Amino acid sequence: MADTAPTSRPRSPLSGAADRLAAATRTSGGRIRLAELPFLTQLDVRLDAKGAAADAVGLALGLPLPLEPNTVARAGELTALWLGPDEWLLVGPPGGGRELESRIREAAGEEPVSVTDVSAQRTTVLITGPRARDLLAHGCPLDLHPRAFGAGRCAQTTLARTQAVLVAREEPGAGFWVLVRSSFAGYLADWLLDAATEYV
């Protein structure tokens, strides 16, 4: 029987754009920083927010699931994004999907829960710097003023006509995550690089 195990390391969706993203970061003089955060674990979790499973899962993760629309909760390396009244996206370090899924299912017990590993579906683009909001505003219909979309907020939206999940990171100077489908990542990187020429 033939060995079907992969023989090379996987390539991230934006591995071919890494040098151009780094070059744009350098030439912007610190105004914009663009980078891919590849292979983050991403789990789509659905359960009854008012049921016993929600509290149990939160305790098991050490991270209460956010209940306010379009908000983010974070503990250690794990981030939970509110996507809907009964849906969250858990984002964590690469390679942690199975362990997280097991913890969630064990905590939920007999309560209905759906856990889907969508890590391969999207990649994450980090956008930081003092002009990050201005760059995003070129192609995003949301009001990105800090009063409307401040730290700890998230939203499913479009950026340059591409569906994405936008996250305003909570740490000072941490900027934004743009979670984009892998098949559109190259297009979005090209758009970001073109829009960033205003700051280089």
Protein backbone atom coordinates (compact mmCIF):
# COMPACT_ATOMS: atom_id res chain seq x y z
CA MET A 1 0.00 0.00 0.00
CA ALA A 2 1.35 3.42 -0.97
CA ASP A 3 2.35 5.89 1.71
CA THR A 4 -0.05 8.83 1.39
CA ALA A 5 1.37 10.91 4.25
CA PRO A 6 2.36 14.42 3.21
CA THR A 7 6.08 14.74 2.57
CA SER A 8 6.40 18.50 2.77
CA ARG A 9 5.28 21.18 5.19
CA PRO A 10 1.96 22.81 4.34
CA ARG A 11 2.07 26.24 2.71
CA SER A 12 -0.08 29.00 4.09
CA PRO A 13 -2.45 30.82 1.70
CA LEU A 14 -0.27 33.94 1.78
CA SER A 15 3.19 32.36 1.84
CA GLY A 16 3.83 33.78 -1.63
CA ALA A 17 2.94 37.30 -0.49
CA ALA A 18 5.00 37.35 2.72
CA ASP A 19 7.89 39.32 1.21
CA ARG A 20 5.58 41.94 -0.31
CA LEU A 21 3.68 42.35 2.98
CA ALA A 22 6.98 42.77 4.84
CA ALA A 23 8.22 45.29 2.25
CA ALA A 24 5.04 47.38 2.58
CA THR A 25 5.47 47.32 6.35
CA ARG A 26 9.07 48.57 6.06
CA THR A 27 8.39 51.31 3.53
CA SER A 28 5.38 52.66 5.46
CA GLY A 29 7.75 53.87 8.18
CA GLY A 30 5.66 52.22 10.89
CA ARG A 31 2.33 53.65 9.76
CA ILE A 32 1.05 50.25 8.59
CA ARG A 33 2.10 46.70 9.44
CA LEU A 34 0.78 43.81 7.35
CA ALA A 35 1.45 40.14 8.09
CA GLU A 36 -0.21 36.76 7.83
CA LEU A 37 -0.87 34.76 10.99
CA PRO A 38 -1.04 31.33 9.36
CA PHE A 39 -2.60 28.11 10.56
CA LEU A 40 -4.45 29.47 13.61
CA THR A 41 -6.90 26.96 15.06
CA GLN A 42 -10.47 28.03 14.30
CA LEU A 43 -13.49 26.16 15.64
CA ASP A 44 -17.08 27.07 14.86
CA VAL A 45 -19.16 26.30 17.96
CA ARG A 46 -22.95 26.28 18.11
CA LEU A 47 -24.99 25.70 21.25
CA ASP A 48 -27.84 27.22 23.26
CA ALA A 49 -26.45 30.38 24.83
CA LYS A 50 -29.03 30.11 27.64
CA GLY A 51 -28.48 26.41 28.27
CA ALA A 52 -26.25 24.67 30.79
CA ALA A 53 -23.71 23.80 28.08
CA ALA A 54 -22.72 27.44 27.54
CA ASP A 55 -21.56 27.88 31.12
CA ALA A 56 -19.93 24.44 31.22
CA VAL A 57 -18.01 25.06 27.98
CA GLY A 58 -16.90 28.47 29.23
CA LEU A 59 -15.55 26.90 32.43
CA ALA A 60 -13.78 24.13 30.52
CA LEU A 61 -12.09 26.66 28.24
CA GLY A 62 -11.34 29.15 31.01
CA LEU A 63 -13.11 31.63 28.76
CA PRO A 64 -16.78 32.61 29.09
CA LEU A 65 -18.44 32.72 25.68
CA PRO A 66 -19.36 36.34 24.89
CA LEU A 67 -23.12 36.91 24.89
CA GLU A 68 -23.21 40.53 23.69
CA PRO A 69 -23.45 40.76 19.88
CA ASN A 70 -20.20 41.40 18.01
CA THR A 71 -17.96 41.18 21.05
CA VAL A 72 -14.78 39.26 21.81
CA ALA A 73 -13.61 37.41 24.91
CA ARG A 74 -9.97 36.47 25.41
CA ALA A 75 -8.05 34.35 27.91
CA GLY A 76 -4.43 33.43 27.36
CA GLU A 77 -3.97 32.32 23.76
CA LEU A 78 -7.66 31.60 23.17
CA THR A 79 -10.12 34.10 21.70
CA ALA A 80 -13.89 33.67 21.34
CA LEU A 81 -15.77 35.75 18.76
CA TRP A 82 -19.54 36.20 18.91
CA LEU A 83 -20.93 35.41 15.44
CA GLY A 84 -24.62 34.96 16.28
CA PRO A 85 -27.04 34.29 19.14
CA ASP A 86 -25.95 30.63 19.26
CA GLU A 87 -22.67 30.71 17.35
CA TRP A 88 -19.05 31.51 18.23
CA LEU A 89 -15.68 31.21 16.54
CA LEU A 90 -12.88 30.04 18.82
CA VAL A 91 -9.42 31.07 17.64
CA GLY A 92 -6.28 29.62 19.18
CA PRO A 93 -2.70 28.61 18.46
CA PRO A 94 -1.97 26.33 15.50
CA GLY A 95 -2.59 22.64 15.98
CA GLY A 96 -4.95 22.86 18.94
CA GLY A 97 -8.22 21.95 17.23
CA ARG A 98 -8.66 18.36 18.38
CA GLU A 99 -7.86 19.07 22.00
CA LEU A 100 -10.21 22.06 22.09
CA GLU A 101 -13.00 20.14 20.40
CA SER A 102 -12.63 17.31 22.91
CA ARG A 103 -12.84 19.73 25.85
CA ILE A 104 -15.94 21.38 24.42
CA ARG A 105 -17.77 18.12 23.75
CA GLU A 106 -16.87 16.69 27.16
CA ALA A 107 -18.05 19.86 28.92
CA ALA A 108 -21.33 19.94 26.99
CA GLY A 109 -22.15 16.40 28.07
CA GLU A 110 -25.62 15.44 26.85
CA GLU A 111 -26.50 19.00 25.82
CA PRO A 112 -26.73 19.60 22.04
CA VAL A 113 -23.54 21.14 20.67
CA SER A 114 -21.96 21.45 17.24
CA VAL A 115 -18.19 21.85 16.89
CA THR A 116 -16.69 22.21 13.42
CA ASP A 117 -12.98 22.68 12.75
CA VAL A 118 -12.79 25.42 10.10
CA SER A 119 -9.06 26.08 10.52
CA ALA A 120 -8.31 25.25 6.88
CA GLN A 121 -11.14 27.43 5.62
CA ARG A 122 -9.59 30.79 6.52
CA THR A 123 -6.30 32.49 7.14
CA THR A 124 -5.73 35.56 9.28
CA VAL A 125 -4.19 38.85 8.21
CA LEU A 126 -2.81 41.11 10.93
CA ILE A 127 -3.11 44.84 10.28
CA THR A 128 -1.58 47.20 12.83
CA GLY A 129 -0.10 50.66 13.00
CA PRO A 130 -1.53 54.15 13.48
CA ARG A 131 -3.07 54.16 9.98
CA ALA A 132 -4.62 50.67 10.19
CA ARG A 133 -8.18 52.00 10.58
CA ASP A 134 -7.70 54.35 7.64
CA LEU A 135 -6.48 51.49 5.47
CA LEU A 136 -9.44 49.28 6.39
CA ALA A 137 -11.91 52.14 5.87
CA HIS A 138 -10.95 52.23 2.17
CA GLY A 139 -12.78 48.97 1.60
CA CYS A 140 -15.01 48.20 4.59
CA PRO A 141 -18.60 49.49 4.93
CA LEU A 142 -18.51 49.48 8.75
CA ASP A 143 -18.07 52.62 10.82
CA LEU A 144 -14.56 51.91 12.10
CA HIS A 145 -14.28 54.91 14.41
CA PRO A 146 -13.08 53.70 17.83
CA ARG A 147 -16.40 54.82 19.39
CA ALA A 148 -18.29 52.47 17.06
CA PHE A 149 -15.76 49.66 16.56
CA GLY A 150 -13.34 49.82 19.43
CA ALA A 151 -11.11 47.21 21.01
CA GLY A 152 -12.88 43.97 21.79
CA ARG A 153 -15.36 44.22 18.91
CA CYS A 154 -15.81 41.87 15.96
CA ALA A 155 -18.11 41.71 12.95
CA GLN A 156 -18.85 39.63 9.90
CA THR A 157 -18.50 42.11 7.06
CA THR A 158 -16.90 42.69 3.68
CA LEU A 159 -13.49 44.11 2.94
CA ALA A 160 -12.75 44.96 -0.68
CA ARG A 161 -15.94 43.01 -1.58
CA THR A 162 -14.54 39.92 0.16
CA GLN A 163 -16.41 38.31 3.04
CA ALA A 164 -14.36 38.48 6.21
CA VAL A 165 -14.53 38.50 9.98
CA LEU A 166 -12.97 41.70 11.32
CA VAL A 167 -11.65 41.78 14.89
CA ALA A 168 -10.42 44.86 16.76
CA ARG A 169 -7.77 43.38 19.06
CA GLU A 170 -7.88 44.33 22.73
CA GLU A 171 -4.19 44.72 23.50
CA PRO A 172 -2.77 48.25 23.07
CA GLY A 173 -1.40 48.65 19.57
CA ALA A 174 -2.51 45.15 18.55
CA GLY A 175 -4.56 46.44 15.62
CA PHE A 176 -6.92 44.18 13.73
CA TRP A 177 -7.35 40.62 12.59
CA VAL A 178 -8.97 40.02 9.22
CA LEU A 179 -10.11 36.41 8.94
CA VAL A 180 -10.61 35.72 5.23
CA ARG A 181 -11.36 32.58 3.26
CA SER A 182 -8.17 31.01 1.98
CA SER A 183 -9.35 31.14 -1.64
CA PHE A 184 -9.72 34.94 -1.42
CA ALA A 185 -6.61 35.63 0.64
CA GLY A 186 -4.35 36.39 -2.32
CA TYR A 187 -6.84 38.84 -3.79
CA LEU A 188 -7.26 40.57 -0.42
CA ALA A 189 -3.49 40.80 0.06
CA ASP A 190 -3.15 42.44 -3.36
CA TRP A 191 -5.90 44.91 -2.47
CA LEU A 192 -4.31 45.75 0.89
CA LEU A 193 -0.91 46.27 -0.71
CA ASP A 194 -2.41 48.55 -3.34
CA ALA A 195 -4.39 50.55 -0.75
CA ALA A 196 -1.31 50.78 1.49
CA THR A 197 0.66 52.63 -1.20
CA GLU A 198 -0.92 55.81 0.16
CA TYR A 199 1.18 55.36 3.31
CA VAL A 200 4.52 54.32 1.79
